Amino acid sequence: MKKLILFIAFLIAGFSICNISLAQKVTVKDQCLKLGRGVNILGYDKGFWQDRTKGRFKESYFKMIKEAGFSSVRINLNPFTQMDSQNKINANWLETLDWVVNKSLEAKLMVILDLHEYTTMADNPEAKKEMFLSFWKQIGNRYKDKSANVVFELLNEPNQKLTAEMWNTFLAEAVKIIRESNPDRTLIIGPGNWNGIESLNTLRLPENDRNIIVTVHFYHPMRFTHQGAAWASEYKNLSGIKWTGTVDEKAEVESKLKIASDWSLKNDRPIFLGEFGSYDKGDMESRARYTAFVARTAEKLGFSWAYWQFDSDFIVYNIEKETWVDPILNALMKSSRK
């Protein structure tokens, strides 16, 4: 009888401990740490969102990304063309997103749902505000029961007509809407002016909401990282610019990232470096050297990060050849692959 009583007592104790563990909330700093080393995916794979079986991105890539050493994926979403006159998101598009989220989680990857409609929002922010808020209301309701491994990023690179002041108003309204369905969901929010580090001091977050990771993007120096990029008018005709890792070159990277680190410490907000990299027209040795230095510097400062990007340009994976771009992957992971 005593053995039975002891056995029941142990069961109750174990159940209680389990419940306590489940009830404990993951801190925002833990969430940022778990994001770790990430990669942006599906940025330009438009065909995927029409019919994922005909897209470039394949199901096998989720496991492959995890095995390569990444711990998170930043999913670049462009849903505005999939919303009707009442701002309702197309059901097929949502089902595709469900598939991406579930496959990412199955592969043990953290998931960032990144609203990537920065161009549309910048052109006419007031006209798109309701779409922006409606998107997050629908996504919040749809994923409210997903694990803490799913994180919402409110908007990629607010810029131009979506001024820093206006963005602070928009983000506050979006946070309020999301918190109605997701009171404990970790959010990622960056400053205006293209998520620029120099604009961190313009960012106004809800002071009492501490479950927010702050994101910045880093492409300095642009004349190196964007040389030959057709969309970058100032740099599209540049070529042959190297990044050799001189004292001055390293100091430029360190000093700019330190601005974000100092802001983080002062404001008690963790930092996620949501994009960095260099365009494919640069020489590979310079690109790999630069990529490794930015990644290691970010890590020393306690930042999580996501490389831009898996496919299309700035690539870390060559889909045509079905192989990793080893110099870039090795630079990111600081290890030699067999």
Protein backbone atom coordinates (compact mmCIF):
# COMPACT_ATOMS: atom_id res chain seq x y z
CA MET A 1 0.00 0.00 0.00
CA LYS A 2 2.80 2.40 0.89
CA LYS A 3 4.47 1.65 -2.44
CA LEU A 4 1.23 2.47 -4.25
CA ILE A 5 0.86 5.76 -2.37
CA LEU A 6 4.47 6.68 -3.15
CA PHE A 7 3.97 5.81 -6.81
CA ILE A 8 0.87 8.01 -7.04
CA ALA A 9 2.70 10.82 -5.24
CA PHE A 10 5.56 10.64 -7.76
CA LEU A 11 3.07 10.70 -10.62
CA ILE A 12 1.35 13.78 -9.22
CA ALA A 13 4.68 15.50 -8.61
CA GLY A 14 5.88 14.69 -12.10
CA PHE A 15 2.63 15.93 -13.60
CA SER A 16 2.87 19.13 -11.60
CA ILE A 17 6.45 19.74 -12.69
CA CYS A 18 5.45 19.08 -16.28
CA ASN A 19 2.59 21.56 -16.02
CA ILE A 20 4.84 24.20 -14.49
CA SER A 21 7.34 23.68 -17.28
CA LEU A 22 4.68 24.00 -19.95
CA ALA A 23 3.26 27.10 -18.33
CA GLN A 24 6.59 28.89 -18.22
CA LYS A 25 6.87 31.54 -20.91
CA VAL A 26 9.89 31.72 -23.15
CA THR A 27 11.65 35.05 -22.72
CA VAL A 28 12.18 37.33 -25.71
CA LYS A 29 15.95 37.00 -25.28
CA ASP A 30 15.61 33.22 -25.40
CA GLN A 31 13.53 33.57 -28.56
CA CYS A 32 16.16 35.75 -30.19
CA LEU A 33 18.85 33.25 -29.22
CA LYS A 34 16.80 30.38 -30.67
CA LEU A 35 16.48 32.17 -34.01
CA GLY A 36 20.25 31.86 -34.18
CA ARG A 37 21.53 31.49 -37.73
CA GLY A 38 18.74 31.85 -40.26
CA VAL A 39 18.14 32.27 -43.98
CA ASN A 40 15.55 34.16 -46.01
CA ILE A 41 13.42 31.95 -48.25
CA LEU A 42 10.78 32.29 -50.98
CA GLY A 43 11.48 35.95 -51.64
CA TYR A 44 11.10 35.84 -55.41
CA ASP A 45 9.53 32.43 -56.00
CA LYS A 46 6.21 33.79 -57.26
CA GLY A 47 5.26 30.55 -59.01
CA PHE A 48 5.43 28.75 -55.68
CA TRP A 49 2.52 30.75 -54.29
CA GLN A 50 0.39 29.97 -57.36
CA ASP A 51 1.13 26.25 -57.24
CA ARG A 52 3.79 25.03 -54.83
CA THR A 53 4.33 21.86 -56.89
CA LYS A 54 5.56 24.06 -59.74
CA GLY A 55 7.66 26.43 -57.68
CA ARG A 56 11.44 26.41 -57.37
CA PHE A 57 11.45 25.70 -53.64
CA LYS A 58 11.12 21.98 -52.84
CA GLU A 59 9.91 20.17 -49.74
CA SER A 60 13.30 18.51 -49.26
CA TYR A 61 14.93 21.91 -48.74
CA PHE A 62 13.48 22.37 -45.25
CA LYS A 63 15.40 19.40 -43.83
CA MET A 64 18.44 20.30 -45.93
CA ILE A 65 18.49 23.84 -44.52
CA LYS A 66 18.36 22.49 -40.99
CA GLU A 67 21.11 19.95 -41.63
CA ALA A 68 23.32 22.68 -43.11
CA GLY A 69 23.32 24.39 -39.72
CA PHE A 70 20.50 26.93 -39.95
CA SER A 71 18.05 27.18 -37.08
CA SER A 72 15.41 29.48 -38.60
CA VAL A 73 13.81 30.58 -41.84
CA ARG A 74 12.51 34.07 -42.58
CA ILE A 75 9.62 33.54 -44.98
CA ASN A 76 9.21 36.56 -47.26
CA LEU A 77 5.48 37.08 -47.83
CA ASN A 78 3.79 39.20 -50.53
CA PRO A 79 0.07 38.65 -49.91
CA PHE A 80 -1.48 41.94 -51.05
CA THR A 81 -2.22 40.69 -54.58
CA GLN A 82 -3.93 37.71 -52.93
CA MET A 83 -6.43 39.87 -51.04
CA ASP A 84 -9.90 40.68 -52.39
CA SER A 85 -11.80 43.97 -52.22
CA GLN A 86 -12.70 43.19 -48.61
CA ASN A 87 -9.03 42.48 -47.79
CA LYS A 88 -9.71 38.78 -47.30
CA ILE A 89 -6.67 36.63 -48.10
CA ASN A 90 -7.07 33.98 -50.80
CA ALA A 91 -7.71 30.57 -49.23
CA ASN A 92 -5.28 28.74 -51.54
CA TRP A 93 -2.50 31.17 -50.67
CA LEU A 94 -3.15 30.60 -46.97
CA GLU A 95 -3.11 26.83 -47.42
CA THR A 96 0.27 27.12 -49.12
CA LEU A 97 1.52 29.21 -46.21
CA ASP A 98 0.20 26.58 -43.78
CA TRP A 99 2.26 23.99 -45.65
CA VAL A 100 5.42 26.11 -45.46
CA VAL A 101 4.95 26.79 -41.75
CA ASN A 102 4.24 23.15 -40.93
CA LYS A 103 7.14 21.80 -42.98
CA SER A 104 9.49 24.31 -41.37
CA LEU A 105 8.38 23.30 -37.89
CA GLU A 106 8.64 19.61 -38.77
CA ALA A 107 12.26 20.26 -39.77
CA LYS A 108 12.84 21.84 -36.32
CA LEU A 109 13.28 25.32 -37.78
CA MET A 110 12.06 28.50 -36.14
CA VAL A 111 9.66 30.36 -38.44
CA ILE A 112 9.50 34.10 -39.10
CA LEU A 113 6.45 35.28 -41.03
CA ASP A 114 7.82 38.41 -42.67
CA LEU A 115 5.33 40.76 -44.36
CA HIS A 116 7.54 41.76 -47.28
CA GLU A 117 5.20 44.30 -48.91
CA TYR A 118 7.62 47.17 -48.33
CA THR A 119 7.40 48.58 -51.86
CA THR A 120 3.61 48.69 -51.94
CA MET A 121 3.45 50.18 -48.46
CA ALA A 122 6.04 52.81 -49.33
CA ASP A 123 4.21 53.99 -52.45
CA ASN A 124 0.91 54.77 -50.73
CA PRO A 125 0.93 53.85 -47.05
CA GLU A 126 -2.38 55.43 -46.12
CA ALA A 127 -4.19 53.60 -48.92
CA LYS A 128 -2.62 50.28 -47.88
CA LYS A 129 -3.00 50.68 -44.15
CA GLU A 130 -6.22 48.67 -43.91
CA MET A 131 -4.69 45.86 -45.96
CA PHE A 132 -1.69 45.87 -43.64
CA LEU A 133 -3.81 45.69 -40.49
CA SER A 134 -6.26 43.20 -42.00
CA PHE A 135 -3.41 40.89 -42.98
CA TRP A 136 -2.17 40.72 -39.40
CA LYS A 137 -5.66 40.25 -38.00
CA GLN A 138 -6.19 37.24 -40.26
CA ILE A 139 -2.72 35.79 -39.74
CA GLY A 140 -3.00 36.33 -35.99
CA ASN A 141 -6.28 34.44 -35.82
CA ARG A 142 -5.02 31.67 -38.08
CA TYR A 143 -1.81 30.97 -36.15
CA LYS A 144 -2.82 31.87 -32.62
CA ASP A 145 -2.47 28.24 -31.51
CA LYS A 146 0.90 27.63 -33.15
CA SER A 147 3.93 27.14 -30.94
CA ALA A 148 6.22 29.94 -29.82
CA ASN A 149 8.55 28.84 -32.62
CA VAL A 150 6.45 30.93 -35.01
CA VAL A 151 7.32 34.64 -34.91
CA PHE A 152 5.56 37.55 -36.67
CA GLU A 153 7.61 40.28 -38.38
CA LEU A 154 5.32 43.26 -38.93
CA LEU A 155 6.87 44.78 -42.08
CA ASN A 156 10.10 44.52 -43.99
CA GLU A 157 11.99 47.79 -44.54
CA PRO A 158 9.42 50.61 -44.08
CA ASN A 159 10.61 53.46 -46.29
CA GLN A 160 9.92 56.59 -48.37
CA LYS A 161 6.31 57.81 -47.94
CA LEU A 162 5.95 55.47 -44.97
CA THR A 163 7.95 57.81 -42.78
CA ALA A 164 9.41 56.90 -39.41
CA GLU A 165 6.68 58.86 -37.64
CA MET A 166 3.92 57.25 -39.67
CA TRP A 167 5.46 53.81 -39.20
CA ASN A 168 5.39 54.22 -35.42
CA THR A 169 1.64 54.82 -35.65
CA PHE A 170 1.07 51.86 -37.98
CA LEU A 171 3.11 49.44 -35.89
CA ALA A 172 1.34 50.41 -32.67
CA GLU A 173 -2.04 49.64 -34.24
CA ALA A 174 -0.77 46.35 -35.67
CA VAL A 175 0.66 45.26 -32.33
CA LYS A 176 -2.66 45.98 -30.65
CA ILE A 177 -4.53 43.89 -33.22
CA ILE A 178 -2.10 40.97 -32.97
CA ARG A 179 -2.15 41.01 -29.17
CA GLU A 180 -5.92 40.41 -29.20
CA SER A 181 -5.35 36.89 -30.55
CA ASN A 182 -1.68 36.35 -29.70
CA PRO A 183 -0.93 37.91 -26.32
CA ASP A 184 2.31 35.93 -25.93
CA ARG A 185 3.53 35.77 -29.53
CA THR A 186 7.05 37.10 -30.12
CA LEU A 187 7.08 39.93 -32.66
CA ILE A 188 9.88 41.35 -34.77
CA ILE A 189 9.80 45.07 -35.58
CA GLY A 190 12.40 47.29 -37.21
CA PRO A 191 12.85 51.04 -37.65
CA GLY A 192 11.88 53.08 -40.69
CA ASN A 193 14.29 54.09 -43.43
CA TRP A 194 14.79 50.51 -44.70
CA ASN A 195 15.36 49.01 -41.22
CA GLY A 196 18.51 51.10 -41.10
CA ILE A 197 20.69 50.93 -38.01
CA GLU A 198 21.03 54.70 -38.06
CA SER A 199 17.25 55.00 -37.68
CA LEU A 200 16.93 52.96 -34.48
CA ASN A 201 16.50 56.10 -32.39
CA THR A 202 13.34 56.96 -34.36
CA LEU A 203 11.66 53.67 -33.45
CA ARG A 204 8.86 53.91 -30.88
CA LEU A 205 7.68 50.59 -29.47
CA PRO A 206 4.93 49.93 -26.92
CA GLU A 207 6.90 50.36 -23.72
CA ASN A 208 4.98 47.73 -21.74
CA ASP A 209 5.30 45.09 -24.48
CA ARG A 210 8.67 43.46 -23.95
CA ASN A 211 8.05 40.44 -26.20
CA ILE A 212 9.49 42.27 -29.21
CA ILE A 213 12.74 41.62 -31.04
CA VAL A 214 14.10 44.58 -32.98
CA THR A 215 15.43 43.98 -36.48
CA VAL A 216 17.96 45.87 -38.56
CA HIS A 217 19.43 45.19 -42.01
CA PHE A 218 23.05 45.57 -43.00
CA TYR A 219 24.58 46.04 -46.46
CA HIS A 220 27.52 48.36 -45.75
CA PRO A 221 29.45 49.31 -47.75
CA MET A 222 26.81 49.42 -50.48
CA ARG A 223 29.30 50.07 -53.26
CA PHE A 224 30.71 46.59 -52.50
CA THR A 225 27.55 44.68 -51.56
CA HIS A 226 25.43 46.06 -54.41
CA GLN A 227 27.96 46.39 -57.21
CA GLY A 228 26.36 45.41 -60.51
CA ALA A 229 22.83 45.23 -59.07
CA ALA A 230 20.50 46.45 -61.83
CA TRP A 231 17.93 47.89 -59.38
CA ALA A 232 20.52 49.97 -57.50
CA SER A 233 21.04 52.95 -59.81
CA GLU A 234 24.02 54.31 -57.89
CA TYR A 235 25.89 51.01 -57.96
CA LYS A 236 24.67 49.12 -61.04
CA ASN A 237 27.65 50.13 -63.19
CA LEU A 238 30.25 49.33 -60.55
CA SER A 239 32.40 46.21 -60.77
CA GLY A 240 35.66 44.78 -59.50
CA ILE A 241 35.27 46.19 -55.98
CA LYS A 242 36.82 43.88 -53.41
CA TRP A 243 36.47 43.49 -49.67
CA THR A 244 39.84 42.32 -48.42
CA GLY A 245 39.29 42.64 -44.69
CA THR A 246 41.60 45.57 -44.04
CA VAL A 247 41.63 47.23 -40.65
CA ASP A 248 39.52 50.09 -41.98
CA GLU A 249 37.02 47.77 -43.70
CA LYS A 250 36.53 45.73 -40.55
CA ALA A 251 36.27 48.87 -38.42
CA GLU A 252 33.44 50.17 -40.62
CA VAL A 253 31.43 46.99 -40.11
CA GLU A 254 32.13 46.86 -36.39
CA SER A 255 31.35 50.51 -35.76
CA LYS A 256 27.99 50.36 -37.53
CA LEU A 257 26.89 47.14 -35.87
CA LYS A 258 28.01 48.54 -32.52
CA ILE A 259 25.46 51.33 -32.94
CA ALA A 260 22.76 48.64 -32.91
CA SER A 261 24.40 46.89 -29.96
CA ASP A 262 24.58 50.10 -27.92
CA TRP A 263 20.93 50.86 -28.70
CA SER A 264 19.98 47.31 -27.71
CA LEU A 265 21.69 47.55 -24.34
CA LYS A 266 20.26 50.98 -23.62
CA ASN A 267 16.70 49.98 -24.52
CA ASP A 268 16.81 46.36 -23.33
CA ARG A 269 15.64 45.03 -26.71
CA PRO A 270 17.38 42.08 -28.42
CA ILE A 271 18.55 42.50 -32.03
CA PHE A 272 17.88 40.33 -35.07
CA LEU A 273 19.98 41.07 -38.15
CA GLY A 274 17.24 40.19 -40.62
CA GLU A 275 19.22 40.68 -43.83
CA PHE A 276 22.85 40.92 -44.88
CA GLY A 277 24.99 39.71 -47.75
CA SER A 278 26.61 40.81 -50.99
CA TYR A 279 25.35 40.60 -54.56
CA ASP A 280 26.55 37.81 -56.83
CA LYS A 281 28.47 40.13 -59.18
CA GLY A 282 31.25 40.61 -56.63
CA ASP A 283 34.21 38.22 -56.57
CA MET A 284 33.52 35.14 -54.48
CA GLU A 285 36.57 35.41 -52.24
CA SER A 286 35.61 38.93 -51.17
CA ARG A 287 31.98 37.97 -50.71
CA ALA A 288 32.82 35.00 -48.51
CA ARG A 289 35.28 37.03 -46.44
CA TYR A 290 32.75 39.81 -45.93
CA THR A 291 29.90 37.42 -45.12
CA ALA A 292 31.94 35.60 -42.49
CA PHE A 293 33.07 38.82 -40.83
CA VAL A 294 29.56 40.30 -40.63
CA ALA A 295 28.12 37.04 -39.26
CA ARG A 296 30.83 36.61 -36.63
CA THR A 297 30.67 40.26 -35.59
CA ALA A 298 26.89 40.05 -35.21
CA GLU A 299 27.22 36.91 -33.10
CA LYS A 300 29.85 38.49 -30.85
CA LEU A 301 27.38 41.29 -30.18
CA GLY A 302 24.66 38.78 -29.30
CA PHE A 303 22.54 39.21 -32.43
CA SER A 304 20.67 36.45 -34.20
CA TRP A 305 20.69 36.74 -38.00
CA ALA A 306 19.21 35.65 -41.33
CA TYR A 307 21.26 35.67 -44.51
CA TRP A 308 19.79 37.21 -47.66
CA GLN A 309 18.99 34.81 -49.28
CA PHE A 310 18.55 31.11 -50.09
CA ASP A 311 17.70 31.46 -53.79
CA SER A 312 17.41 33.98 -56.66
CA ASP A 313 20.25 36.42 -55.85
CA PHE A 314 22.87 36.79 -53.10
CA ILE A 315 22.39 33.02 -53.13
CA VAL A 316 23.64 30.47 -50.66
CA TYR A 317 22.04 27.61 -52.62
CA ASN A 318 22.14 27.01 -56.38
CA ILE A 319 18.85 25.41 -57.36
CA GLU A 320 19.87 24.89 -60.99
CA LYS A 321 22.84 22.79 -59.88
CA GLU A 322 21.13 21.53 -56.69
CA THR A 323 24.15 22.34 -54.58
CA TRP A 324 25.16 24.71 -51.82
CA VAL A 325 27.34 27.67 -52.74
CA ASP A 326 30.06 26.33 -50.46
CA PRO A 327 32.14 29.50 -49.97
CA ILE A 328 29.05 31.39 -48.75
CA LEU A 329 27.66 28.55 -46.66
CA ASN A 330 31.05 27.90 -45.08
CA ALA A 331 31.42 31.62 -44.35
CA LEU A 332 28.07 31.64 -42.60
CA MET A 333 28.70 28.48 -40.60
CA LYS A 334 32.45 28.97 -40.02
CA SER A 335 33.19 25.36 -40.82
CA SER A 336 34.38 23.27 -43.73
CA ARG A 337 31.83 20.93 -45.22
CA LYS A 338 32.79 17.46 -46.41
